[in-house]
Amino acid sequence: MANPATPAPRGGWTDVLPGLALCVLTALLARTVHQALPSQAGAIVGEVVFAVAFGLFLGNVAKLPPLLSPGIRFSFQKVLRAAIVLLGATFSAQQVVTIGGRAVLMIVALMTIALLAAHALGRLAGVPGRLATLIGVGTAVCGNSAIVAVAPVIHARDEDVSFAIATNTLFGTLCVFFYPLIARALGMSDAAFGTWAGAAVNDTSQVVAAGFAYSDAAGRLATAVKLTRNALMGPVIVLLGILYARSAAGAAAGDAARGGRPGGFLVRVQQSVPLFVLGFLAMATLNSLGVIRELSIRANRDLAQDAQWIARVFILIALAGVGFSTRFDAMRKTGLKPLYVGLIVAAATSGACLLWIRFLGPAAR
């Protein structure tokens, strides 16, 4: 994800603190501005958008001194990985079981469609593969959270992350406004709309906004379906890590055949499933087994909610760092093609979900 022009940190905290402090202050600014918005606007446009936007603006308008680079890099590498581990405490197998087997099958099918469509369209349009993957993941799984979780696994560039978040936010916001209108025109039931919104809208906040804008019943079902998509983020991260590691291993094998040094088995395993992904899965397992709930009872506070709050703060700090490290000229080279890919992937997922509901029924009746 790092900008090649950014110097690597030398490892001391004195090197890290200036840039890290800048990212923390930017994250606080993003949260303050987001909280000042009207509640309906705040539910549609998440605070992460402001963190990236402020970082992008300041990083491209002002000439940042080199001493900030180590801390900025630390923010979007170490801080982001810590946030992903903490997010594991909010996922559980029970979320998947609660919604039912047919709904889970629908979600898996739609996720597959989104990821394959993004990959195919990206190749056709000449969009960088990792950017196309991030767009597909944002549409398929859980919006910006999935984008920031997958980005370090596939070694995505800063501008890829920024572009994917912008695309995800744009189409998710349009869904909040237009899905209820379309559903009213089609005469959809609460169950049908709740299934559609929960399976086809991107971010959780956008799903909640769209679902409850239709009805309370639709909002509750949409939230349940969306949480099931969220719970499947772990397997998606591992799968993409393995696929990209195999691709890298193939390239390394070619280098070795030309005289380079091949990577060992342990190195390939570490590339496939990074340590922070194992941490995410471990936290999700503890939550599924009820360990976190038991610890919450003993501590007399909701530890899963605490972990989620800290993770959100860490993600804001990390995405401020992503914004600072992204250059507009690099994004301009990519052009508008990623937006077209995102639009088609979102439309394909939405249309497939409607067909599923039409012929196989909604997640609940």
Protein backbone atom coordinates (compact mmCIF):
# COMPACT_ATOMS: atom_id res chain seq x y z
CA MET A 1 0.00 0.00 0.00
CA ALA A 2 2.95 2.30 0.50
CA ASN A 3 3.92 5.02 -1.90
CA PRO A 4 7.28 3.96 -3.36
CA ALA A 5 8.53 7.49 -2.94
CA THR A 6 7.85 7.39 0.81
CA PRO A 7 10.96 6.55 2.83
CA ALA A 8 10.70 3.59 5.16
CA PRO A 9 10.58 4.28 8.89
CA ARG A 10 13.78 3.76 10.82
CA GLY A 11 11.96 1.95 13.60
CA GLY A 12 12.19 4.37 16.59
CA TRP A 13 9.13 5.89 18.25
CA THR A 14 10.67 9.33 17.89
CA ASP A 15 10.55 8.80 14.12
CA VAL A 16 6.96 7.54 14.19
CA LEU A 17 5.32 10.04 16.55
CA PRO A 18 5.17 13.19 14.33
CA GLY A 19 3.39 11.52 11.41
CA LEU A 20 1.22 9.41 13.72
CA ALA A 21 0.16 12.55 15.61
CA LEU A 22 -0.81 14.20 12.31
CA CYS A 23 -2.99 11.19 11.39
CA VAL A 24 -4.60 11.18 14.86
CA LEU A 25 -5.44 14.88 14.61
CA THR A 26 -6.87 14.35 11.12
CA ALA A 27 -8.99 11.45 12.40
CA LEU A 28 -10.31 13.63 15.24
CA LEU A 29 -11.19 16.34 12.71
CA ALA A 30 -13.02 13.79 10.55
CA ARG A 31 -15.02 12.49 13.51
CA THR A 32 -15.87 16.04 14.67
CA VAL A 33 -17.12 17.07 11.23
CA HIS A 34 -19.10 13.84 10.83
CA GLN A 35 -20.78 14.28 14.21
CA ALA A 36 -21.76 17.83 13.27
CA LEU A 37 -23.76 16.57 10.29
CA PRO A 38 -27.53 16.00 10.52
CA SER A 39 -28.24 12.44 11.67
CA GLN A 40 -29.66 11.33 8.31
CA ALA A 41 -26.65 12.65 6.37
CA GLY A 42 -24.27 11.10 8.90
CA ALA A 43 -25.91 7.69 8.45
CA ILE A 44 -25.34 7.82 4.71
CA VAL A 45 -21.80 9.23 4.51
CA GLY A 46 -19.47 7.57 7.01
CA GLU A 47 -16.71 9.32 8.93
CA VAL A 48 -14.06 7.31 7.08
CA VAL A 49 -14.85 9.30 3.95
CA PHE A 50 -13.88 12.50 5.73
CA ALA A 51 -10.66 10.96 7.06
CA VAL A 52 -9.56 9.97 3.56
CA ALA A 53 -10.73 13.27 2.05
CA PHE A 54 -8.88 15.44 4.58
CA GLY A 55 -5.74 13.35 4.17
CA LEU A 56 -5.97 13.58 0.40
CA PHE A 57 -6.46 17.34 0.48
CA LEU A 58 -3.71 18.14 2.96
CA GLY A 59 -1.29 15.62 1.48
CA ASN A 60 -1.64 17.01 -2.03
CA VAL A 61 -2.03 20.73 -1.32
CA ALA A 62 0.64 21.07 1.36
CA LYS A 63 4.21 19.86 0.96
CA LEU A 64 4.65 17.57 3.96
CA PRO A 65 8.14 17.37 5.49
CA PRO A 66 9.92 13.99 5.23
CA LEU A 67 9.93 13.53 9.03
CA LEU A 68 6.18 12.80 8.86
CA SER A 69 6.59 9.85 6.49
CA PRO A 70 7.48 7.13 9.06
CA GLY A 71 4.44 7.90 11.21
CA ILE A 72 2.10 8.06 8.23
CA ARG A 73 3.38 4.69 7.05
CA PHE A 74 2.98 3.30 10.59
CA SER A 75 -0.65 4.49 10.61
CA PHE A 76 -1.79 2.69 7.47
CA GLN A 77 0.26 -0.42 8.21
CA LYS A 78 0.46 -1.24 11.93
CA VAL A 79 -2.56 0.70 13.16
CA LEU A 80 -4.75 -0.70 10.38
CA ARG A 81 -3.71 -4.28 11.16
CA ALA A 82 -4.52 -3.77 14.85
CA ALA A 83 -7.97 -2.48 13.86
CA ILE A 84 -8.62 -5.58 11.75
CA VAL A 85 -7.75 -7.87 14.67
CA LEU A 86 -10.11 -5.96 16.96
CA LEU A 87 -12.91 -6.17 14.38
CA GLY A 88 -12.82 -9.95 14.79
CA ALA A 89 -14.45 -9.54 18.21
CA THR A 90 -17.64 -8.29 16.51
CA PHE A 91 -18.11 -11.31 14.19
CA SER A 92 -19.49 -14.71 15.12
CA ALA A 93 -20.72 -17.92 13.55
CA GLN A 94 -24.09 -17.36 15.24
CA GLN A 95 -24.76 -14.44 12.89
CA VAL A 96 -24.57 -16.82 9.95
CA VAL A 97 -26.73 -19.49 11.62
CA THR A 98 -29.45 -17.03 12.67
CA ILE A 99 -30.35 -15.87 9.17
CA GLY A 100 -30.86 -19.39 7.80
CA GLY A 101 -29.24 -21.62 5.19
CA ARG A 102 -31.11 -20.32 2.15
CA ALA A 103 -30.19 -16.72 2.89
CA VAL A 104 -26.55 -17.67 3.48
CA LEU A 105 -26.53 -19.47 0.12
CA MET A 106 -27.94 -16.35 -1.55
CA ILE A 107 -25.29 -14.14 0.08
CA VAL A 108 -22.46 -16.46 -0.98
CA ALA A 109 -23.81 -16.56 -4.55
CA LEU A 110 -24.05 -12.76 -4.72
CA MET A 111 -20.58 -12.32 -3.24
CA THR A 112 -19.20 -14.69 -5.88
CA ILE A 113 -20.96 -12.77 -8.66
CA ALA A 114 -19.58 -9.43 -7.41
CA LEU A 115 -15.99 -10.66 -7.08
CA LEU A 116 -15.94 -12.45 -10.44
CA ALA A 117 -17.63 -9.55 -12.23
CA ALA A 118 -15.19 -7.03 -10.75
CA HIS A 119 -12.22 -9.15 -11.77
CA ALA A 120 -13.51 -9.74 -15.33
CA LEU A 121 -14.57 -6.13 -15.90
CA GLY A 122 -11.31 -4.86 -14.45
CA ARG A 123 -9.32 -6.90 -16.93
CA LEU A 124 -11.58 -5.79 -19.78
CA ALA A 125 -11.34 -2.11 -18.87
CA GLY A 126 -7.66 -2.15 -18.01
CA VAL A 127 -8.27 -1.33 -14.32
CA PRO A 128 -5.44 -2.48 -12.01
CA GLY A 129 -6.24 -5.93 -10.63
CA ARG A 130 -5.95 -5.00 -6.98
CA LEU A 131 -8.21 -1.97 -7.42
CA ALA A 132 -10.82 -4.14 -9.15
CA THR A 133 -10.58 -6.64 -6.29
CA LEU A 134 -11.15 -3.91 -3.70
CA ILE A 135 -14.19 -2.63 -5.61
CA GLY A 136 -15.57 -6.16 -5.79
CA VAL A 137 -14.92 -6.78 -2.08
CA GLY A 138 -16.57 -3.50 -1.10
CA THR A 139 -19.68 -4.43 -3.07
CA ALA A 140 -19.70 -8.10 -2.07
CA VAL A 141 -18.94 -8.06 1.63
CA CYS A 142 -19.23 -5.03 3.87
CA GLY A 143 -18.22 -1.88 2.10
CA ASN A 144 -15.37 0.23 3.41
CA SER A 145 -14.60 -2.15 6.29
CA ALA A 146 -13.91 -4.95 3.84
CA ILE A 147 -11.83 -2.67 1.61
CA VAL A 148 -9.52 -1.61 4.43
CA ALA A 149 -9.29 -5.19 5.74
CA VAL A 150 -8.41 -6.74 2.38
CA ALA A 151 -6.05 -3.99 1.16
CA PRO A 152 -2.99 -5.03 3.21
CA VAL A 153 -3.58 -8.71 2.42
CA ILE A 154 -3.32 -8.12 -1.34
CA HIS A 155 -0.72 -5.33 -0.99
CA ALA A 156 -2.95 -2.72 -2.61
CA ARG A 157 -1.61 0.77 -3.33
CA ASP A 158 -2.79 3.83 -1.42
CA GLU A 159 -4.54 5.28 -4.45
CA ASP A 160 -6.32 1.95 -4.99
CA VAL A 161 -7.74 2.11 -1.46
CA SER A 162 -8.82 5.74 -1.86
CA PHE A 163 -10.44 5.07 -5.23
CA ALA A 164 -12.25 1.97 -3.96
CA ILE A 165 -13.60 3.80 -0.91
CA ALA A 166 -14.79 6.70 -3.08
CA THR A 167 -16.52 4.30 -5.51
CA ASN A 168 -18.08 2.27 -2.69
CA THR A 169 -19.37 5.38 -0.92
CA LEU A 170 -20.79 6.93 -4.08
CA PHE A 171 -22.87 3.93 -5.14
CA GLY A 172 -23.85 3.03 -1.59
CA THR A 173 -25.17 6.55 -1.08
CA LEU A 174 -27.18 6.39 -4.31
CA CYS A 175 -28.69 3.09 -3.15
CA VAL A 176 -29.93 4.69 0.08
CA PHE A 177 -31.93 7.24 -1.92
CA PHE A 178 -33.12 5.17 -4.87
CA TYR A 179 -33.73 1.67 -3.49
CA PRO A 180 -36.79 2.64 -1.40
CA LEU A 181 -38.25 4.55 -4.38
CA ILE A 182 -37.72 1.59 -6.72
CA ALA A 183 -39.15 -0.82 -4.16
CA ARG A 184 -42.29 1.29 -3.68
CA ALA A 185 -42.79 1.41 -7.43
CA LEU A 186 -42.42 -2.39 -7.63
CA GLY A 187 -44.70 -2.95 -4.64
CA MET A 188 -42.10 -4.99 -2.77
CA SER A 189 -42.95 -6.49 0.60
CA ASP A 190 -41.01 -5.61 3.73
CA ALA A 191 -39.28 -9.02 3.62
CA ALA A 192 -38.33 -8.64 -0.02
CA PHE A 193 -36.94 -5.15 0.41
CA GLY A 194 -35.10 -6.07 3.62
CA THR A 195 -33.43 -8.95 1.79
CA TRP A 196 -32.55 -6.76 -1.20
CA ALA A 197 -31.13 -3.90 0.86
CA GLY A 198 -29.21 -6.21 3.19
CA ALA A 199 -27.65 -8.17 0.34
CA ALA A 200 -27.00 -5.45 -2.24
CA VAL A 201 -26.24 -2.18 -0.40
CA ASN A 202 -22.59 -1.68 0.58
CA ASP A 203 -21.84 -0.28 4.05
CA THR A 204 -23.71 -1.33 7.19
CA SER A 205 -24.72 2.26 7.95
CA GLN A 206 -26.13 2.61 4.43
CA VAL A 207 -28.04 -0.68 4.78
CA VAL A 208 -29.60 0.49 8.04
CA ALA A 209 -30.51 3.86 6.54
CA ALA A 210 -32.14 2.30 3.46
CA GLY A 211 -33.90 -0.50 5.36
CA PHE A 212 -35.52 1.62 8.04
CA ALA A 213 -36.42 4.28 5.48
CA TYR A 214 -38.73 1.62 4.00
CA SER A 215 -40.15 0.17 7.24
CA ASP A 216 -39.07 -1.08 10.66
CA ALA A 217 -39.56 -4.71 9.61
CA ALA A 218 -37.50 -4.19 6.45
CA GLY A 219 -34.80 -2.44 8.46
CA ARG A 220 -34.49 -5.28 10.98
CA LEU A 221 -34.24 -7.94 8.27
CA ALA A 222 -31.82 -5.86 6.19
CA THR A 223 -29.56 -5.47 9.23
CA ALA A 224 -29.61 -9.23 9.91
CA VAL A 225 -28.74 -10.06 6.29
CA LYS A 226 -25.98 -7.44 6.28
CA LEU A 227 -24.44 -8.77 9.50
CA THR A 228 -24.32 -12.19 7.86
CA ARG A 229 -22.36 -10.71 4.97
CA ASN A 230 -20.06 -9.08 7.51
CA ALA A 231 -19.49 -12.39 9.29
CA LEU A 232 -18.24 -13.93 6.04
CA MET A 233 -15.45 -11.36 5.73
CA GLY A 234 -12.93 -13.66 7.42
CA PRO A 235 -13.16 -16.46 4.83
CA VAL A 236 -13.03 -13.89 2.01
CA ILE A 237 -9.84 -12.34 3.43
CA VAL A 238 -8.16 -15.74 3.74
CA LEU A 239 -9.25 -16.81 0.24
CA LEU A 240 -7.98 -13.63 -1.40
CA GLY A 241 -4.74 -13.85 0.55
CA ILE A 242 -4.15 -17.38 -0.73
CA LEU A 243 -5.00 -16.45 -4.33
CA TYR A 244 -2.72 -13.42 -4.37
CA ALA A 245 0.05 -15.33 -2.60
CA ARG A 246 -0.11 -18.04 -5.26
CA SER A 247 0.18 -15.38 -7.93
CA ALA A 248 3.19 -13.90 -6.15
CA ALA A 249 4.66 -17.37 -5.69
CA GLY A 250 4.33 -17.98 -9.42
CA ALA A 251 6.17 -14.76 -10.13
CA ALA A 252 8.84 -15.70 -7.59
CA ALA A 253 9.23 -19.10 -9.21
CA GLY A 254 9.83 -17.37 -12.52
CA ASP A 255 12.45 -15.18 -10.88
CA ALA A 256 14.08 -18.24 -9.34
CA ALA A 257 14.22 -19.94 -12.72
CA ARG A 258 16.09 -16.88 -13.97
CA GLY A 259 18.53 -17.07 -11.08
CA GLY A 260 16.55 -15.51 -8.20
CA ARG A 261 16.01 -17.06 -4.78
CA PRO A 262 12.76 -19.04 -4.34
CA GLY A 263 10.65 -18.44 -1.25
CA GLY A 264 10.32 -21.21 1.34
CA PHE A 265 7.13 -22.93 2.42
CA LEU A 266 6.78 -20.91 5.62
CA VAL A 267 7.20 -17.68 3.70
CA ARG A 268 4.39 -18.67 1.31
CA VAL A 269 2.14 -19.59 4.25
CA GLN A 270 2.82 -16.25 5.91
CA GLN A 271 2.02 -14.43 2.67
CA SER A 272 -1.22 -16.40 2.25
CA VAL A 273 -2.51 -15.88 5.79
CA PRO A 274 -0.78 -12.91 7.44
CA LEU A 275 -0.53 -12.78 11.22
CA PHE A 276 -3.17 -10.07 11.59
CA VAL A 277 -5.66 -12.21 9.63
CA LEU A 278 -5.03 -15.08 12.06
CA GLY A 279 -5.62 -12.58 14.86
CA PHE A 280 -8.93 -11.57 13.27
CA LEU A 281 -10.02 -15.22 12.98
CA ALA A 282 -8.90 -15.94 16.55
CA MET A 283 -10.98 -13.06 17.91
CA ALA A 284 -13.99 -14.16 15.85
CA THR A 285 -13.59 -17.69 17.20
CA LEU A 286 -13.47 -16.44 20.79
CA ASN A 287 -16.62 -14.43 20.15
CA SER A 288 -18.36 -17.43 18.55
CA LEU A 289 -17.48 -19.62 21.55
CA GLY A 290 -18.88 -17.09 24.00
CA VAL A 291 -15.53 -16.28 25.58
CA ILE A 292 -15.78 -12.54 24.94
CA ARG A 293 -19.33 -12.49 26.31
CA GLU A 294 -18.19 -14.27 29.48
CA LEU A 295 -15.31 -11.84 29.91
CA SER A 296 -17.75 -8.95 29.36
CA ILE A 297 -19.95 -10.24 32.18
CA ARG A 298 -16.97 -10.49 34.52
CA ALA A 299 -15.70 -7.04 33.54
CA ASN A 300 -19.23 -5.58 33.74
CA ARG A 301 -18.92 -3.95 30.31
CA ASP A 302 -19.43 -4.90 26.67
CA LEU A 303 -15.91 -5.79 25.53
CA ALA A 304 -17.01 -6.51 21.96
CA GLN A 305 -18.51 -3.04 21.71
CA ASP A 306 -15.31 -1.57 23.20
CA ALA A 307 -13.24 -3.44 20.60
CA GLN A 308 -15.48 -2.15 17.82
CA TRP A 309 -15.15 1.44 19.05
CA ILE A 310 -11.35 1.22 19.26
CA ALA A 311 -11.24 -0.44 15.83
CA ARG A 312 -13.23 2.42 14.31
CA VAL A 313 -10.83 4.96 15.81
CA PHE A 314 -7.84 2.99 14.49
CA ILE A 315 -9.43 2.74 11.03
CA LEU A 316 -9.94 6.52 10.97
CA ILE A 317 -6.28 7.07 11.85
CA ALA A 318 -5.16 4.53 9.26
CA LEU A 319 -7.30 5.96 6.47
CA ALA A 320 -6.05 9.45 7.23
CA GLY A 321 -2.60 7.98 6.59
CA VAL A 322 -3.84 6.45 3.33
CA GLY A 323 -5.09 9.87 2.26
CA PHE A 324 -1.77 11.54 3.09
CA SER A 325 0.10 8.92 1.05
CA THR A 326 -2.13 9.11 -2.02
CA ARG A 327 -1.33 11.44 -4.89
CA PHE A 328 -3.99 12.91 -7.16
CA ASP A 329 -1.77 12.53 -10.20
CA ALA A 330 -1.66 8.77 -9.66
CA MET A 331 -5.48 8.66 -9.38
CA ARG A 332 -5.85 10.77 -12.53
CA LYS A 333 -3.80 8.21 -14.46
CA THR A 334 -6.37 5.56 -13.54
CA GLY A 335 -9.22 7.71 -14.86
CA LEU A 336 -12.94 7.05 -14.48
CA LYS A 337 -12.81 3.39 -15.49
CA PRO A 338 -12.98 2.15 -11.86
CA LEU A 339 -16.25 4.07 -11.43
CA TYR A 340 -17.71 2.29 -14.45
CA VAL A 341 -16.55 -1.05 -13.08
CA GLY A 342 -18.09 -0.26 -9.69
CA LEU A 343 -21.38 0.79 -11.29
CA ILE A 344 -21.69 -2.39 -13.36
CA VAL A 345 -20.71 -4.64 -10.44
CA ALA A 346 -23.23 -2.94 -8.16
CA ALA A 347 -25.95 -3.22 -10.84
CA ALA A 348 -25.15 -6.89 -11.49
CA THR A 349 -25.28 -7.73 -7.78
CA SER A 350 -28.50 -5.80 -7.30
CA GLY A 351 -30.15 -7.39 -10.34
CA ALA A 352 -29.09 -10.91 -9.35
CA CYS A 353 -30.50 -10.34 -5.86
CA LEU A 354 -33.84 -9.21 -7.28
CA LEU A 355 -34.01 -12.29 -9.50
CA TRP A 356 -33.24 -14.52 -6.51
CA ILE A 357 -36.03 -12.90 -4.48
CA ARG A 358 -38.44 -13.16 -7.43
CA PHE A 359 -37.93 -16.87 -8.03
CA LEU A 360 -36.70 -18.26 -4.69
CA GLY A 361 -38.20 -15.83 -2.22
CA PRO A 362 -36.75 -13.41 0.38
CA ALA A 363 -34.64 -14.33 3.40
CA ALA A 364 -37.70 -14.29 5.67
CA ARG A 365 -41.43 -14.13 5.14
